[in-house]
Amino acid sequence: VSGDQIILGDTILLFEERAKKRTA
């Protein structure tokens, strides 16, 4: 989910995604 921090070795990544449209 947007905002998740992924840690691989000594590297930290931030996952982001565009805001989704509301579902019906």
PDBML (XML) file of the C-alpha atoms, coordinates in Angstrom:
<?xml version="1.0" encoding="UTF-8" ?>
<PDBx:datablock datablockName="MODEL"
   xmlns:PDBx="http://pdbml.pdb.org/schema/pdbx-v50.xsd"
   xmlns:xsi="http://www.w3.org/2001/XMLSchema-instance"
   xsi:schemaLocation="http://pdbml.pdb.org/schema/pdbx-v50.xsd pdbx-v50.xsd">
   <PDBx:atom_siteCategory>
      <PDBx:atom_site id="1">
         <PDBx:B_iso_or_equiv>0.00</PDBx:B_iso_or_equiv>
         <PDBx:Cartn_x>0.000</PDBx:Cartn_x>
         <PDBx:Cartn_y>0.000</PDBx:Cartn_y>
         <PDBx:Cartn_z>0.000</PDBx:Cartn_z>
         <PDBx:auth_asym_id>A</PDBx:auth_asym_id>
         <PDBx:auth_atom_id>CA</PDBx:auth_atom_id>
         <PDBx:auth_comp_id>VAL</PDBx:auth_comp_id>
         <PDBx:auth_seq_id>1</PDBx:auth_seq_id>
         <PDBx:group_PDB>ATOM</PDBx:group_PDB>
         <PDBx:label_alt_id xsi:nil="true" />
         <PDBx:label_asym_id>A</PDBx:label_asym_id>
         <PDBx:label_atom_id>CA</PDBx:label_atom_id>
         <PDBx:label_comp_id>VAL</PDBx:label_comp_id>
         <PDBx:label_entity_id>1</PDBx:label_entity_id>
         <PDBx:label_seq_id>1</PDBx:label_seq_id>
         <PDBx:occupancy>1.00</PDBx:occupancy>
         <PDBx:pdbx_PDB_model_num>1</PDBx:pdbx_PDB_model_num>
         <PDBx:type_symbol>C</PDBx:type_symbol>
      </PDBx:atom_site>
      <PDBx:atom_site id="2">
         <PDBx:B_iso_or_equiv>0.00</PDBx:B_iso_or_equiv>
         <PDBx:Cartn_x>1.168</PDBx:Cartn_x>
         <PDBx:Cartn_y>3.530</PDBx:Cartn_y>
         <PDBx:Cartn_z>-0.610</PDBx:Cartn_z>
         <PDBx:auth_asym_id>A</PDBx:auth_asym_id>
         <PDBx:auth_atom_id>CA</PDBx:auth_atom_id>
         <PDBx:auth_comp_id>SER</PDBx:auth_comp_id>
         <PDBx:auth_seq_id>2</PDBx:auth_seq_id>
         <PDBx:group_PDB>ATOM</PDBx:group_PDB>
         <PDBx:label_alt_id xsi:nil="true" />
         <PDBx:label_asym_id>A</PDBx:label_asym_id>
         <PDBx:label_atom_id>CA</PDBx:label_atom_id>
         <PDBx:label_comp_id>SER</PDBx:label_comp_id>
         <PDBx:label_entity_id>1</PDBx:label_entity_id>
         <PDBx:label_seq_id>2</PDBx:label_seq_id>
         <PDBx:occupancy>1.00</PDBx:occupancy>
         <PDBx:pdbx_PDB_model_num>1</PDBx:pdbx_PDB_model_num>
         <PDBx:type_symbol>C</PDBx:type_symbol>
      </PDBx:atom_site>
      <PDBx:atom_site id="3">
         <PDBx:B_iso_or_equiv>0.00</PDBx:B_iso_or_equiv>
         <PDBx:Cartn_x>3.624</PDBx:Cartn_x>
         <PDBx:Cartn_y>4.610</PDBx:Cartn_y>
         <PDBx:Cartn_z>2.072</PDBx:Cartn_z>
         <PDBx:auth_asym_id>A</PDBx:auth_asym_id>
         <PDBx:auth_atom_id>CA</PDBx:auth_atom_id>
         <PDBx:auth_comp_id>GLY</PDBx:auth_comp_id>
         <PDBx:auth_seq_id>3</PDBx:auth_seq_id>
         <PDBx:group_PDB>ATOM</PDBx:group_PDB>
         <PDBx:label_alt_id xsi:nil="true" />
         <PDBx:label_asym_id>A</PDBx:label_asym_id>
         <PDBx:label_atom_id>CA</PDBx:label_atom_id>
         <PDBx:label_comp_id>GLY</PDBx:label_comp_id>
         <PDBx:label_entity_id>1</PDBx:label_entity_id>
         <PDBx:label_seq_id>3</PDBx:label_seq_id>
         <PDBx:occupancy>1.00</PDBx:occupancy>
         <PDBx:pdbx_PDB_model_num>1</PDBx:pdbx_PDB_model_num>
         <PDBx:type_symbol>C</PDBx:type_symbol>
      </PDBx:atom_site>
      <PDBx:atom_site id="4">
         <PDBx:B_iso_or_equiv>0.00</PDBx:B_iso_or_equiv>
         <PDBx:Cartn_x>5.103</PDBx:Cartn_x>
         <PDBx:Cartn_y>1.149</PDBx:Cartn_y>
         <PDBx:Cartn_z>2.731</PDBx:Cartn_z>
         <PDBx:auth_asym_id>A</PDBx:auth_asym_id>
         <PDBx:auth_atom_id>CA</PDBx:auth_atom_id>
         <PDBx:auth_comp_id>ASP</PDBx:auth_comp_id>
         <PDBx:auth_seq_id>4</PDBx:auth_seq_id>
         <PDBx:group_PDB>ATOM</PDBx:group_PDB>
         <PDBx:label_alt_id xsi:nil="true" />
         <PDBx:label_asym_id>A</PDBx:label_asym_id>
         <PDBx:label_atom_id>CA</PDBx:label_atom_id>
         <PDBx:label_comp_id>ASP</PDBx:label_comp_id>
         <PDBx:label_entity_id>1</PDBx:label_entity_id>
         <PDBx:label_seq_id>4</PDBx:label_seq_id>
         <PDBx:occupancy>1.00</PDBx:occupancy>
         <PDBx:pdbx_PDB_model_num>1</PDBx:pdbx_PDB_model_num>
         <PDBx:type_symbol>C</PDBx:type_symbol>
      </PDBx:atom_site>
      <PDBx:atom_site id="5">
         <PDBx:B_iso_or_equiv>0.00</PDBx:B_iso_or_equiv>
         <PDBx:Cartn_x>8.833</PDBx:Cartn_x>
         <PDBx:Cartn_y>1.171</PDBx:Cartn_y>
         <PDBx:Cartn_z>3.464</PDBx:Cartn_z>
         <PDBx:auth_asym_id>A</PDBx:auth_asym_id>
         <PDBx:auth_atom_id>CA</PDBx:auth_atom_id>
         <PDBx:auth_comp_id>GLN</PDBx:auth_comp_id>
         <PDBx:auth_seq_id>5</PDBx:auth_seq_id>
         <PDBx:group_PDB>ATOM</PDBx:group_PDB>
         <PDBx:label_alt_id xsi:nil="true" />
         <PDBx:label_asym_id>A</PDBx:label_asym_id>
         <PDBx:label_atom_id>CA</PDBx:label_atom_id>
         <PDBx:label_comp_id>GLN</PDBx:label_comp_id>
         <PDBx:label_entity_id>1</PDBx:label_entity_id>
         <PDBx:label_seq_id>5</PDBx:label_seq_id>
         <PDBx:occupancy>1.00</PDBx:occupancy>
         <PDBx:pdbx_PDB_model_num>1</PDBx:pdbx_PDB_model_num>
         <PDBx:type_symbol>C</PDBx:type_symbol>
      </PDBx:atom_site>
      <PDBx:atom_site id="6">
         <PDBx:B_iso_or_equiv>0.00</PDBx:B_iso_or_equiv>
         <PDBx:Cartn_x>10.719</PDBx:Cartn_x>
         <PDBx:Cartn_y>-1.710</PDBx:Cartn_y>
         <PDBx:Cartn_z>1.878</PDBx:Cartn_z>
         <PDBx:auth_asym_id>A</PDBx:auth_asym_id>
         <PDBx:auth_atom_id>CA</PDBx:auth_atom_id>
         <PDBx:auth_comp_id>ILE</PDBx:auth_comp_id>
         <PDBx:auth_seq_id>6</PDBx:auth_seq_id>
         <PDBx:group_PDB>ATOM</PDBx:group_PDB>
         <PDBx:label_alt_id xsi:nil="true" />
         <PDBx:label_asym_id>A</PDBx:label_asym_id>
         <PDBx:label_atom_id>CA</PDBx:label_atom_id>
         <PDBx:label_comp_id>ILE</PDBx:label_comp_id>
         <PDBx:label_entity_id>1</PDBx:label_entity_id>
         <PDBx:label_seq_id>6</PDBx:label_seq_id>
         <PDBx:occupancy>1.00</PDBx:occupancy>
         <PDBx:pdbx_PDB_model_num>1</PDBx:pdbx_PDB_model_num>
         <PDBx:type_symbol>C</PDBx:type_symbol>
      </PDBx:atom_site>
      <PDBx:atom_site id="7">
         <PDBx:B_iso_or_equiv>0.00</PDBx:B_iso_or_equiv>
         <PDBx:Cartn_x>14.105</PDBx:Cartn_x>
         <PDBx:Cartn_y>-2.628</PDBx:Cartn_y>
         <PDBx:Cartn_z>3.348</PDBx:Cartn_z>
         <PDBx:auth_asym_id>A</PDBx:auth_asym_id>
         <PDBx:auth_atom_id>CA</PDBx:auth_atom_id>
         <PDBx:auth_comp_id>ILE</PDBx:auth_comp_id>
         <PDBx:auth_seq_id>7</PDBx:auth_seq_id>
         <PDBx:group_PDB>ATOM</PDBx:group_PDB>
         <PDBx:label_alt_id xsi:nil="true" />
         <PDBx:label_asym_id>A</PDBx:label_asym_id>
         <PDBx:label_atom_id>CA</PDBx:label_atom_id>
         <PDBx:label_comp_id>ILE</PDBx:label_comp_id>
         <PDBx:label_entity_id>1</PDBx:label_entity_id>
         <PDBx:label_seq_id>7</PDBx:label_seq_id>
         <PDBx:occupancy>1.00</PDBx:occupancy>
         <PDBx:pdbx_PDB_model_num>1</PDBx:pdbx_PDB_model_num>
         <PDBx:type_symbol>C</PDBx:type_symbol>
      </PDBx:atom_site>
      <PDBx:atom_site id="8">
         <PDBx:B_iso_or_equiv>0.00</PDBx:B_iso_or_equiv>
         <PDBx:Cartn_x>16.558</PDBx:Cartn_x>
         <PDBx:Cartn_y>-4.583</PDBx:Cartn_y>
         <PDBx:Cartn_z>1.179</PDBx:Cartn_z>
         <PDBx:auth_asym_id>A</PDBx:auth_asym_id>
         <PDBx:auth_atom_id>CA</PDBx:auth_atom_id>
         <PDBx:auth_comp_id>LEU</PDBx:auth_comp_id>
         <PDBx:auth_seq_id>8</PDBx:auth_seq_id>
         <PDBx:group_PDB>ATOM</PDBx:group_PDB>
         <PDBx:label_alt_id xsi:nil="true" />
         <PDBx:label_asym_id>A</PDBx:label_asym_id>
         <PDBx:label_atom_id>CA</PDBx:label_atom_id>
         <PDBx:label_comp_id>LEU</PDBx:label_comp_id>
         <PDBx:label_entity_id>1</PDBx:label_entity_id>
         <PDBx:label_seq_id>8</PDBx:label_seq_id>
         <PDBx:occupancy>1.00</PDBx:occupancy>
         <PDBx:pdbx_PDB_model_num>1</PDBx:pdbx_PDB_model_num>
         <PDBx:type_symbol>C</PDBx:type_symbol>
      </PDBx:atom_site>
      <PDBx:atom_site id="9">
         <PDBx:B_iso_or_equiv>0.00</PDBx:B_iso_or_equiv>
         <PDBx:Cartn_x>20.011</PDBx:Cartn_x>
         <PDBx:Cartn_y>-4.949</PDBx:Cartn_y>
         <PDBx:Cartn_z>2.714</PDBx:Cartn_z>
         <PDBx:auth_asym_id>A</PDBx:auth_asym_id>
         <PDBx:auth_atom_id>CA</PDBx:auth_atom_id>
         <PDBx:auth_comp_id>GLY</PDBx:auth_comp_id>
         <PDBx:auth_seq_id>9</PDBx:auth_seq_id>
         <PDBx:group_PDB>ATOM</PDBx:group_PDB>
         <PDBx:label_alt_id xsi:nil="true" />
         <PDBx:label_asym_id>A</PDBx:label_asym_id>
         <PDBx:label_atom_id>CA</PDBx:label_atom_id>
         <PDBx:label_comp_id>GLY</PDBx:label_comp_id>
         <PDBx:label_entity_id>1</PDBx:label_entity_id>
         <PDBx:label_seq_id>9</PDBx:label_seq_id>
         <PDBx:occupancy>1.00</PDBx:occupancy>
         <PDBx:pdbx_PDB_model_num>1</PDBx:pdbx_PDB_model_num>
         <PDBx:type_symbol>C</PDBx:type_symbol>
      </PDBx:atom_site>
      <PDBx:atom_site id="10">
         <PDBx:B_iso_or_equiv>0.00</PDBx:B_iso_or_equiv>
         <PDBx:Cartn_x>20.986</PDBx:Cartn_x>
         <PDBx:Cartn_y>-1.491</PDBx:Cartn_y>
         <PDBx:Cartn_z>3.958</PDBx:Cartn_z>
         <PDBx:auth_asym_id>A</PDBx:auth_asym_id>
         <PDBx:auth_atom_id>CA</PDBx:auth_atom_id>
         <PDBx:auth_comp_id>ASP</PDBx:auth_comp_id>
         <PDBx:auth_seq_id>10</PDBx:auth_seq_id>
         <PDBx:group_PDB>ATOM</PDBx:group_PDB>
         <PDBx:label_alt_id xsi:nil="true" />
         <PDBx:label_asym_id>A</PDBx:label_asym_id>
         <PDBx:label_atom_id>CA</PDBx:label_atom_id>
         <PDBx:label_comp_id>ASP</PDBx:label_comp_id>
         <PDBx:label_entity_id>1</PDBx:label_entity_id>
         <PDBx:label_seq_id>10</PDBx:label_seq_id>
         <PDBx:occupancy>1.00</PDBx:occupancy>
         <PDBx:pdbx_PDB_model_num>1</PDBx:pdbx_PDB_model_num>
         <PDBx:type_symbol>C</PDBx:type_symbol>
      </PDBx:atom_site>
      <PDBx:atom_site id="11">
         <PDBx:B_iso_or_equiv>0.00</PDBx:B_iso_or_equiv>
         <PDBx:Cartn_x>18.739</PDBx:Cartn_x>
         <PDBx:Cartn_y>0.257</PDBx:Cartn_y>
         <PDBx:Cartn_z>1.432</PDBx:Cartn_z>
         <PDBx:auth_asym_id>A</PDBx:auth_asym_id>
         <PDBx:auth_atom_id>CA</PDBx:auth_atom_id>
         <PDBx:auth_comp_id>THR</PDBx:auth_comp_id>
         <PDBx:auth_seq_id>11</PDBx:auth_seq_id>
         <PDBx:group_PDB>ATOM</PDBx:group_PDB>
         <PDBx:label_alt_id xsi:nil="true" />
         <PDBx:label_asym_id>A</PDBx:label_asym_id>
         <PDBx:label_atom_id>CA</PDBx:label_atom_id>
         <PDBx:label_comp_id>THR</PDBx:label_comp_id>
         <PDBx:label_entity_id>1</PDBx:label_entity_id>
         <PDBx:label_seq_id>11</PDBx:label_seq_id>
         <PDBx:occupancy>1.00</PDBx:occupancy>
         <PDBx:pdbx_PDB_model_num>1</PDBx:pdbx_PDB_model_num>
         <PDBx:type_symbol>C</PDBx:type_symbol>
      </PDBx:atom_site>
      <PDBx:atom_site id="12">
         <PDBx:B_iso_or_equiv>0.00</PDBx:B_iso_or_equiv>
         <PDBx:Cartn_x>15.331</PDBx:Cartn_x>
         <PDBx:Cartn_y>1.685</PDBx:Cartn_y>
         <PDBx:Cartn_z>2.306</PDBx:Cartn_z>
         <PDBx:auth_asym_id>A</PDBx:auth_asym_id>
         <PDBx:auth_atom_id>CA</PDBx:auth_atom_id>
         <PDBx:auth_comp_id>ILE</PDBx:auth_comp_id>
         <PDBx:auth_seq_id>12</PDBx:auth_seq_id>
         <PDBx:group_PDB>ATOM</PDBx:group_PDB>
         <PDBx:label_alt_id xsi:nil="true" />
         <PDBx:label_asym_id>A</PDBx:label_asym_id>
         <PDBx:label_atom_id>CA</PDBx:label_atom_id>
         <PDBx:label_comp_id>ILE</PDBx:label_comp_id>
         <PDBx:label_entity_id>1</PDBx:label_entity_id>
         <PDBx:label_seq_id>12</PDBx:label_seq_id>
         <PDBx:occupancy>1.00</PDBx:occupancy>
         <PDBx:pdbx_PDB_model_num>1</PDBx:pdbx_PDB_model_num>
         <PDBx:type_symbol>C</PDBx:type_symbol>
      </PDBx:atom_site>
      <PDBx:atom_site id="13">
         <PDBx:B_iso_or_equiv>0.00</PDBx:B_iso_or_equiv>
         <PDBx:Cartn_x>12.749</PDBx:Cartn_x>
         <PDBx:Cartn_y>2.216</PDBx:Cartn_y>
         <PDBx:Cartn_z>-0.429</PDBx:Cartn_z>
         <PDBx:auth_asym_id>A</PDBx:auth_asym_id>
         <PDBx:auth_atom_id>CA</PDBx:auth_atom_id>
         <PDBx:auth_comp_id>LEU</PDBx:auth_comp_id>
         <PDBx:auth_seq_id>13</PDBx:auth_seq_id>
         <PDBx:group_PDB>ATOM</PDBx:group_PDB>
         <PDBx:label_alt_id xsi:nil="true" />
         <PDBx:label_asym_id>A</PDBx:label_asym_id>
         <PDBx:label_atom_id>CA</PDBx:label_atom_id>
         <PDBx:label_comp_id>LEU</PDBx:label_comp_id>
         <PDBx:label_entity_id>1</PDBx:label_entity_id>
         <PDBx:label_seq_id>13</PDBx:label_seq_id>
         <PDBx:occupancy>1.00</PDBx:occupancy>
         <PDBx:pdbx_PDB_model_num>1</PDBx:pdbx_PDB_model_num>
         <PDBx:type_symbol>C</PDBx:type_symbol>
      </PDBx:atom_site>
      <PDBx:atom_site id="14">
         <PDBx:B_iso_or_equiv>0.00</PDBx:B_iso_or_equiv>
         <PDBx:Cartn_x>9.372</PDBx:Cartn_x>
         <PDBx:Cartn_y>3.924</PDBx:Cartn_y>
         <PDBx:Cartn_z>-0.245</PDBx:Cartn_z>
         <PDBx:auth_asym_id>A</PDBx:auth_asym_id>
         <PDBx:auth_atom_id>CA</PDBx:auth_atom_id>
         <PDBx:auth_comp_id>LEU</PDBx:auth_comp_id>
         <PDBx:auth_seq_id>14</PDBx:auth_seq_id>
         <PDBx:group_PDB>ATOM</PDBx:group_PDB>
         <PDBx:label_alt_id xsi:nil="true" />
         <PDBx:label_asym_id>A</PDBx:label_asym_id>
         <PDBx:label_atom_id>CA</PDBx:label_atom_id>
         <PDBx:label_comp_id>LEU</PDBx:label_comp_id>
         <PDBx:label_entity_id>1</PDBx:label_entity_id>
         <PDBx:label_seq_id>14</PDBx:label_seq_id>
         <PDBx:occupancy>1.00</PDBx:occupancy>
         <PDBx:pdbx_PDB_model_num>1</PDBx:pdbx_PDB_model_num>
         <PDBx:type_symbol>C</PDBx:type_symbol>
      </PDBx:atom_site>
      <PDBx:atom_site id="15">
         <PDBx:B_iso_or_equiv>0.00</PDBx:B_iso_or_equiv>
         <PDBx:Cartn_x>6.492</PDBx:Cartn_x>
         <PDBx:Cartn_y>2.497</PDBx:Cartn_y>
         <PDBx:Cartn_z>-2.277</PDBx:Cartn_z>
         <PDBx:auth_asym_id>A</PDBx:auth_asym_id>
         <PDBx:auth_atom_id>CA</PDBx:auth_atom_id>
         <PDBx:auth_comp_id>PHE</PDBx:auth_comp_id>
         <PDBx:auth_seq_id>15</PDBx:auth_seq_id>
         <PDBx:group_PDB>ATOM</PDBx:group_PDB>
         <PDBx:label_alt_id xsi:nil="true" />
         <PDBx:label_asym_id>A</PDBx:label_asym_id>
         <PDBx:label_atom_id>CA</PDBx:label_atom_id>
         <PDBx:label_comp_id>PHE</PDBx:label_comp_id>
         <PDBx:label_entity_id>1</PDBx:label_entity_id>
         <PDBx:label_seq_id>15</PDBx:label_seq_id>
         <PDBx:occupancy>1.00</PDBx:occupancy>
         <PDBx:pdbx_PDB_model_num>1</PDBx:pdbx_PDB_model_num>
         <PDBx:type_symbol>C</PDBx:type_symbol>
      </PDBx:atom_site>
      <PDBx:atom_site id="16">
         <PDBx:B_iso_or_equiv>0.00</PDBx:B_iso_or_equiv>
         <PDBx:Cartn_x>4.006</PDBx:Cartn_x>
         <PDBx:Cartn_y>5.074</PDBx:Cartn_y>
         <PDBx:Cartn_z>-3.524</PDBx:Cartn_z>
         <PDBx:auth_asym_id>A</PDBx:auth_asym_id>
         <PDBx:auth_atom_id>CA</PDBx:auth_atom_id>
         <PDBx:auth_comp_id>GLU</PDBx:auth_comp_id>
         <PDBx:auth_seq_id>16</PDBx:auth_seq_id>
         <PDBx:group_PDB>ATOM</PDBx:group_PDB>
         <PDBx:label_alt_id xsi:nil="true" />
         <PDBx:label_asym_id>A</PDBx:label_asym_id>
         <PDBx:label_atom_id>CA</PDBx:label_atom_id>
         <PDBx:label_comp_id>GLU</PDBx:label_comp_id>
         <PDBx:label_entity_id>1</PDBx:label_entity_id>
         <PDBx:label_seq_id>16</PDBx:label_seq_id>
         <PDBx:occupancy>1.00</PDBx:occupancy>
         <PDBx:pdbx_PDB_model_num>1</PDBx:pdbx_PDB_model_num>
         <PDBx:type_symbol>C</PDBx:type_symbol>
      </PDBx:atom_site>
      <PDBx:atom_site id="17">
         <PDBx:B_iso_or_equiv>0.00</PDBx:B_iso_or_equiv>
         <PDBx:Cartn_x>1.017</PDBx:Cartn_x>
         <PDBx:Cartn_y>4.881</PDBx:Cartn_y>
         <PDBx:Cartn_z>-5.794</PDBx:Cartn_z>
         <PDBx:auth_asym_id>A</PDBx:auth_asym_id>
         <PDBx:auth_atom_id>CA</PDBx:auth_atom_id>
         <PDBx:auth_comp_id>GLU</PDBx:auth_comp_id>
         <PDBx:auth_seq_id>17</PDBx:auth_seq_id>
         <PDBx:group_PDB>ATOM</PDBx:group_PDB>
         <PDBx:label_alt_id xsi:nil="true" />
         <PDBx:label_asym_id>A</PDBx:label_asym_id>
         <PDBx:label_atom_id>CA</PDBx:label_atom_id>
         <PDBx:label_comp_id>GLU</PDBx:label_comp_id>
         <PDBx:label_entity_id>1</PDBx:label_entity_id>
         <PDBx:label_seq_id>17</PDBx:label_seq_id>
         <PDBx:occupancy>1.00</PDBx:occupancy>
         <PDBx:pdbx_PDB_model_num>1</PDBx:pdbx_PDB_model_num>
         <PDBx:type_symbol>C</PDBx:type_symbol>
      </PDBx:atom_site>
      <PDBx:atom_site id="18">
         <PDBx:B_iso_or_equiv>0.00</PDBx:B_iso_or_equiv>
         <PDBx:Cartn_x>-1.384</PDBx:Cartn_x>
         <PDBx:Cartn_y>7.324</PDBx:Cartn_y>
         <PDBx:Cartn_z>-7.318</PDBx:Cartn_z>
         <PDBx:auth_asym_id>A</PDBx:auth_asym_id>
         <PDBx:auth_atom_id>CA</PDBx:auth_atom_id>
         <PDBx:auth_comp_id>ARG</PDBx:auth_comp_id>
         <PDBx:auth_seq_id>18</PDBx:auth_seq_id>
         <PDBx:group_PDB>ATOM</PDBx:group_PDB>
         <PDBx:label_alt_id xsi:nil="true" />
         <PDBx:label_asym_id>A</PDBx:label_asym_id>
         <PDBx:label_atom_id>CA</PDBx:label_atom_id>
         <PDBx:label_comp_id>ARG</PDBx:label_comp_id>
         <PDBx:label_entity_id>1</PDBx:label_entity_id>
         <PDBx:label_seq_id>18</PDBx:label_seq_id>
         <PDBx:occupancy>1.00</PDBx:occupancy>
         <PDBx:pdbx_PDB_model_num>1</PDBx:pdbx_PDB_model_num>
         <PDBx:type_symbol>C</PDBx:type_symbol>
      </PDBx:atom_site>
      <PDBx:atom_site id="19">
         <PDBx:B_iso_or_equiv>0.00</PDBx:B_iso_or_equiv>
         <PDBx:Cartn_x>-4.603</PDBx:Cartn_x>
         <PDBx:Cartn_y>7.855</PDBx:Cartn_y>
         <PDBx:Cartn_z>-5.380</PDBx:Cartn_z>
         <PDBx:auth_asym_id>A</PDBx:auth_asym_id>
         <PDBx:auth_atom_id>CA</PDBx:auth_atom_id>
         <PDBx:auth_comp_id>ALA</PDBx:auth_comp_id>
         <PDBx:auth_seq_id>19</PDBx:auth_seq_id>
         <PDBx:group_PDB>ATOM</PDBx:group_PDB>
         <PDBx:label_alt_id xsi:nil="true" />
         <PDBx:label_asym_id>A</PDBx:label_asym_id>
         <PDBx:label_atom_id>CA</PDBx:label_atom_id>
         <PDBx:label_comp_id>ALA</PDBx:label_comp_id>
         <PDBx:label_entity_id>1</PDBx:label_entity_id>
         <PDBx:label_seq_id>19</PDBx:label_seq_id>
         <PDBx:occupancy>1.00</PDBx:occupancy>
         <PDBx:pdbx_PDB_model_num>1</PDBx:pdbx_PDB_model_num>
         <PDBx:type_symbol>C</PDBx:type_symbol>
      </PDBx:atom_site>
      <PDBx:atom_site id="20">
         <PDBx:B_iso_or_equiv>0.00</PDBx:B_iso_or_equiv>
         <PDBx:Cartn_x>-7.210</PDBx:Cartn_x>
         <PDBx:Cartn_y>5.379</PDBx:Cartn_y>
         <PDBx:Cartn_z>-6.515</PDBx:Cartn_z>
         <PDBx:auth_asym_id>A</PDBx:auth_asym_id>
         <PDBx:auth_atom_id>CA</PDBx:auth_atom_id>
         <PDBx:auth_comp_id>LYS</PDBx:auth_comp_id>
         <PDBx:auth_seq_id>20</PDBx:auth_seq_id>
         <PDBx:group_PDB>ATOM</PDBx:group_PDB>
         <PDBx:label_alt_id xsi:nil="true" />
         <PDBx:label_asym_id>A</PDBx:label_asym_id>
         <PDBx:label_atom_id>CA</PDBx:label_atom_id>
         <PDBx:label_comp_id>LYS</PDBx:label_comp_id>
         <PDBx:label_entity_id>1</PDBx:label_entity_id>
         <PDBx:label_seq_id>20</PDBx:label_seq_id>
         <PDBx:occupancy>1.00</PDBx:occupancy>
         <PDBx:pdbx_PDB_model_num>1</PDBx:pdbx_PDB_model_num>
         <PDBx:type_symbol>C</PDBx:type_symbol>
      </PDBx:atom_site>
      <PDBx:atom_site id="21">
         <PDBx:B_iso_or_equiv>0.00</PDBx:B_iso_or_equiv>
         <PDBx:Cartn_x>-10.676</PDBx:Cartn_x>
         <PDBx:Cartn_y>6.373</PDBx:Cartn_y>
         <PDBx:Cartn_z>-7.619</PDBx:Cartn_z>
         <PDBx:auth_asym_id>A</PDBx:auth_asym_id>
         <PDBx:auth_atom_id>CA</PDBx:auth_atom_id>
         <PDBx:auth_comp_id>LYS</PDBx:auth_comp_id>
         <PDBx:auth_seq_id>21</PDBx:auth_seq_id>
         <PDBx:group_PDB>ATOM</PDBx:group_PDB>
         <PDBx:label_alt_id xsi:nil="true" />
         <PDBx:label_asym_id>A</PDBx:label_asym_id>
         <PDBx:label_atom_id>CA</PDBx:label_atom_id>
         <PDBx:label_comp_id>LYS</PDBx:label_comp_id>
         <PDBx:label_entity_id>1</PDBx:label_entity_id>
         <PDBx:label_seq_id>21</PDBx:label_seq_id>
         <PDBx:occupancy>1.00</PDBx:occupancy>
         <PDBx:pdbx_PDB_model_num>1</PDBx:pdbx_PDB_model_num>
         <PDBx:type_symbol>C</PDBx:type_symbol>
      </PDBx:atom_site>
      <PDBx:atom_site id="22">
         <PDBx:B_iso_or_equiv>0.00</PDBx:B_iso_or_equiv>
         <PDBx:Cartn_x>-13.420</PDBx:Cartn_x>
         <PDBx:Cartn_y>5.403</PDBx:Cartn_y>
         <PDBx:Cartn_z>-5.225</PDBx:Cartn_z>
         <PDBx:auth_asym_id>A</PDBx:auth_asym_id>
         <PDBx:auth_atom_id>CA</PDBx:auth_atom_id>
         <PDBx:auth_comp_id>ARG</PDBx:auth_comp_id>
         <PDBx:auth_seq_id>22</PDBx:auth_seq_id>
         <PDBx:group_PDB>ATOM</PDBx:group_PDB>
         <PDBx:label_alt_id xsi:nil="true" />
         <PDBx:label_asym_id>A</PDBx:label_asym_id>
         <PDBx:label_atom_id>CA</PDBx:label_atom_id>
         <PDBx:label_comp_id>ARG</PDBx:label_comp_id>
         <PDBx:label_entity_id>1</PDBx:label_entity_id>
         <PDBx:label_seq_id>22</PDBx:label_seq_id>
         <PDBx:occupancy>1.00</PDBx:occupancy>
         <PDBx:pdbx_PDB_model_num>1</PDBx:pdbx_PDB_model_num>
         <PDBx:type_symbol>C</PDBx:type_symbol>
      </PDBx:atom_site>
      <PDBx:atom_site id="23">
         <PDBx:B_iso_or_equiv>0.00</PDBx:B_iso_or_equiv>
         <PDBx:Cartn_x>-15.072</PDBx:Cartn_x>
         <PDBx:Cartn_y>2.138</PDBx:Cartn_y>
         <PDBx:Cartn_z>-6.052</PDBx:Cartn_z>
         <PDBx:auth_asym_id>A</PDBx:auth_asym_id>
         <PDBx:auth_atom_id>CA</PDBx:auth_atom_id>
         <PDBx:auth_comp_id>THR</PDBx:auth_comp_id>
         <PDBx:auth_seq_id>23</PDBx:auth_seq_id>
         <PDBx:group_PDB>ATOM</PDBx:group_PDB>
         <PDBx:label_alt_id xsi:nil="true" />
         <PDBx:label_asym_id>A</PDBx:label_asym_id>
         <PDBx:label_atom_id>CA</PDBx:label_atom_id>
         <PDBx:label_comp_id>THR</PDBx:label_comp_id>
         <PDBx:label_entity_id>1</PDBx:label_entity_id>
         <PDBx:label_seq_id>23</PDBx:label_seq_id>
         <PDBx:occupancy>1.00</PDBx:occupancy>
         <PDBx:pdbx_PDB_model_num>1</PDBx:pdbx_PDB_model_num>
         <PDBx:type_symbol>C</PDBx:type_symbol>
      </PDBx:atom_site>
      <PDBx:atom_site id="24">
         <PDBx:B_iso_or_equiv>0.00</PDBx:B_iso_or_equiv>
         <PDBx:Cartn_x>-18.831</PDBx:Cartn_x>
         <PDBx:Cartn_y>1.905</PDBx:Cartn_y>
         <PDBx:Cartn_z>-6.476</PDBx:Cartn_z>
         <PDBx:auth_asym_id>A</PDBx:auth_asym_id>
         <PDBx:auth_atom_id>CA</PDBx:auth_atom_id>
         <PDBx:auth_comp_id>ALA</PDBx:auth_comp_id>
         <PDBx:auth_seq_id>24</PDBx:auth_seq_id>
         <PDBx:group_PDB>ATOM</PDBx:group_PDB>
         <PDBx:label_alt_id xsi:nil="true" />
         <PDBx:label_asym_id>A</PDBx:label_asym_id>
         <PDBx:label_atom_id>CA</PDBx:label_atom_id>
         <PDBx:label_comp_id>ALA</PDBx:label_comp_id>
         <PDBx:label_entity_id>1</PDBx:label_entity_id>
         <PDBx:label_seq_id>24</PDBx:label_seq_id>
         <PDBx:occupancy>1.00</PDBx:occupancy>
         <PDBx:pdbx_PDB_model_num>1</PDBx:pdbx_PDB_model_num>
         <PDBx:type_symbol>C</PDBx:type_symbol>
      </PDBx:atom_site>
   </PDBx:atom_siteCategory>
</PDBx:datablock>
